[in-house]
């Protein structure tokens, strides 16, 4: 994949190895990366993606052990504890 300056949501998800459903789960919790809208297109800058990764690394290291099953991570996010 080339080094674009901004990514669509599907491109962002592929680059960060998360599914789109999980991305849309993070969005209303305020845990998705900052987005910019160009017309009807939603883009995520590479800078916003980098900031998001750092925030997720910090949040995960502070709140949940690396061995936490995905179902528990989802439950944690659903409870609003990460918001």
C-alpha atoms as a PDB file:
ATOM      1  CA  UNK A   1       0.000   0.000   0.000  1.00  0.00           C
ATOM      2  CA  UNK A   2       1.394   3.395  -0.887  1.00  0.00           C
ATOM      3  CA  UNK A   3       2.003   6.123   1.676  1.00  0.00           C
ATOM      4  CA  UNK A   4      -1.075   8.307   1.155  1.00  0.00           C
ATOM      5  CA  UNK A   5      -1.637  11.537   3.081  1.00  0.00           C
ATOM      6  CA  UNK A   6      -5.168  10.482   4.030  1.00  0.00           C
ATOM      7  CA  UNK A   7      -7.133   7.246   4.142  1.00  0.00           C
ATOM      8  CA  UNK A   8     -10.752   6.317   3.627  1.00  0.00           C
ATOM      9  CA  UNK A   9     -12.322   4.433   6.520  1.00  0.00           C
ATOM     10  CA  UNK A  10     -11.867   1.049   4.758  1.00  0.00           C
ATOM     11  CA  UNK A  11      -8.200   1.888   4.001  1.00  0.00           C
ATOM     12  CA  UNK A  12      -7.632   2.982   7.603  1.00  0.00           C
ATOM     13  CA  UNK A  13      -9.150  -0.257   8.891  1.00  0.00           C
ATOM     14  CA  UNK A  14      -6.983  -2.407   6.626  1.00  0.00           C
ATOM     15  CA  UNK A  15      -3.825  -0.487   7.563  1.00  0.00           C
ATOM     16  CA  UNK A  16      -4.590  -0.827  11.277  1.00  0.00           C
ATOM     17  CA  UNK A  17      -5.926  -4.377  11.102  1.00  0.00           C
ATOM     18  CA  UNK A  18      -9.333  -3.654  12.577  1.00  0.00           C
ATOM     19  CA  UNK A  19     -12.693  -4.501  11.044  1.00  0.00           C
ATOM     20  CA  UNK A  20     -15.007  -1.739   9.892  1.00  0.00           C
ATOM     21  CA  UNK A  21     -17.694  -2.816  12.368  1.00  0.00           C
ATOM     22  CA  UNK A  22     -15.240  -2.258  15.215  1.00  0.00           C
ATOM     23  CA  UNK A  23     -14.327   1.168  13.789  1.00  0.00           C
ATOM     24  CA  UNK A  24     -17.998   2.157  13.765  1.00  0.00           C
ATOM     25  CA  UNK A  25     -18.328   0.858  17.326  1.00  0.00           C
ATOM     26  CA  UNK A  26     -15.460   3.127  18.432  1.00  0.00           C
ATOM     27  CA  UNK A  27     -16.846   6.211  16.673  1.00  0.00           C
ATOM     28  CA  UNK A  28     -19.821   7.050  18.970  1.00  0.00           C
ATOM     29  CA  UNK A  29     -17.583   6.438  21.995  1.00  0.00           C
ATOM     30  CA  UNK A  30     -15.189   9.138  20.825  1.00  0.00           C
ATOM     31  CA  UNK A  31     -12.462   6.518  20.374  1.00  0.00           C
ATOM     32  CA  UNK A  32     -12.143   6.674  16.578  1.00  0.00           C
ATOM     33  CA  UNK A  33      -9.506   8.872  14.933  1.00  0.00           C
ATOM     34  CA  UNK A  34     -10.316  12.442  13.927  1.00  0.00           C
ATOM     35  CA  UNK A  35     -12.040  12.547  10.565  1.00  0.00           C
ATOM     36  CA  UNK A  36     -12.220  15.171   7.858  1.00  0.00           C
ATOM     37  CA  UNK A  37     -15.036  15.444   5.371  1.00  0.00           C
ATOM     38  CA  UNK A  38     -14.432  16.425   1.760  1.00  0.00           C
ATOM     39  CA  UNK A  39     -17.868  16.629   0.182  1.00  0.00           C
ATOM     40  CA  UNK A  40     -19.454  13.284   1.030  1.00  0.00           C
ATOM     41  CA  UNK A  41     -16.098  11.517   1.476  1.00  0.00           C
ATOM     42  CA  UNK A  42     -14.756  10.844   4.985  1.00  0.00           C
ATOM     43  CA  UNK A  43     -10.961  10.772   5.276  1.00  0.00           C
ATOM     44  CA  UNK A  44      -8.493  10.206   8.094  1.00  0.00           C
ATOM     45  CA  UNK A  45      -5.163  11.968   7.780  1.00  0.00           C
ATOM     46  CA  UNK A  46      -2.008   9.960   8.395  1.00  0.00           C
ATOM     47  CA  UNK A  47      -1.297  12.318  11.321  1.00  0.00           C
ATOM     48  CA  UNK A  48      -4.713  11.624  12.868  1.00  0.00           C
ATOM     49  CA  UNK A  49      -4.109   7.897  12.384  1.00  0.00           C
ATOM     50  CA  UNK A  50      -0.757   8.148  14.199  1.00  0.00           C
ATOM     51  CA  UNK A  51      -2.328  10.102  17.087  1.00  0.00           C
ATOM     52  CA  UNK A  52      -5.109   7.500  17.317  1.00  0.00           C
ATOM     53  CA  UNK A  53      -2.604   4.632  17.479  1.00  0.00           C
ATOM     54  CA  UNK A  54      -0.690   6.335  20.308  1.00  0.00           C
ATOM     55  CA  UNK A  55      -3.925   6.954  22.236  1.00  0.00           C
ATOM     56  CA  UNK A  56      -5.027   3.346  21.782  1.00  0.00           C
ATOM     57  CA  UNK A  57      -1.627   2.050  22.901  1.00  0.00           C
ATOM     58  CA  UNK A  58      -1.777   4.193  26.025  1.00  0.00           C
ATOM     59  CA  UNK A  59      -5.414   3.356  26.787  1.00  0.00           C
ATOM     60  CA  UNK A  60      -4.837  -0.359  26.310  1.00  0.00           C
ATOM     61  CA  UNK A  61      -1.720  -0.433  28.463  1.00  0.00           C
ATOM     62  CA  UNK A  62      -3.466   1.487  31.252  1.00  0.00           C
ATOM     63  CA  UNK A  63      -6.836  -0.265  31.243  1.00  0.00           C
ATOM     64  CA  UNK A  64      -6.644  -3.790  29.876  1.00  0.00           C
ATOM     65  CA  UNK A  65      -3.954  -6.466  29.840  1.00  0.00           C
ATOM     66  CA  UNK A  66      -2.725  -7.581  26.423  1.00  0.00           C
ATOM     67  CA  UNK A  67      -4.223 -11.024  26.982  1.00  0.00           C
ATOM     68  CA  UNK A  68      -7.772  -9.700  27.392  1.00  0.00           C
ATOM     69  CA  UNK A  69     -10.141 -11.555  25.029  1.00  0.00           C
ATOM     70  CA  UNK A  70     -11.800  -9.387  22.365  1.00  0.00           C
ATOM     71  CA  UNK A  71     -15.228 -10.039  23.903  1.00  0.00           C
ATOM     72  CA  UNK A  72     -14.061  -8.454  27.173  1.00  0.00           C
ATOM     73  CA  UNK A  73     -12.572  -5.482  25.290  1.00  0.00           C
ATOM     74  CA  UNK A  74     -15.904  -5.004  23.508  1.00  0.00           C
ATOM     75  CA  UNK A  75     -17.771  -5.280  26.809  1.00  0.00           C
ATOM     76  CA  UNK A  76     -15.419  -2.718  28.351  1.00  0.00           C
ATOM     77  CA  UNK A  77     -16.064  -0.315  25.468  1.00  0.00           C
ATOM     78  CA  UNK A  78     -19.817  -0.968  25.540  1.00  0.00           C
ATOM     79  CA  UNK A  79     -19.951  -0.085  29.233  1.00  0.00           C
ATOM     80  CA  UNK A  80     -18.617   3.388  28.453  1.00  0.00           C
ATOM     81  CA  UNK A  81     -15.607   2.853  30.721  1.00  0.00           C
ATOM     82  CA  UNK A  82     -13.198   4.012  28.018  1.00  0.00           C
ATOM     83  CA  UNK A  83     -15.123   7.152  27.136  1.00  0.00           C
END
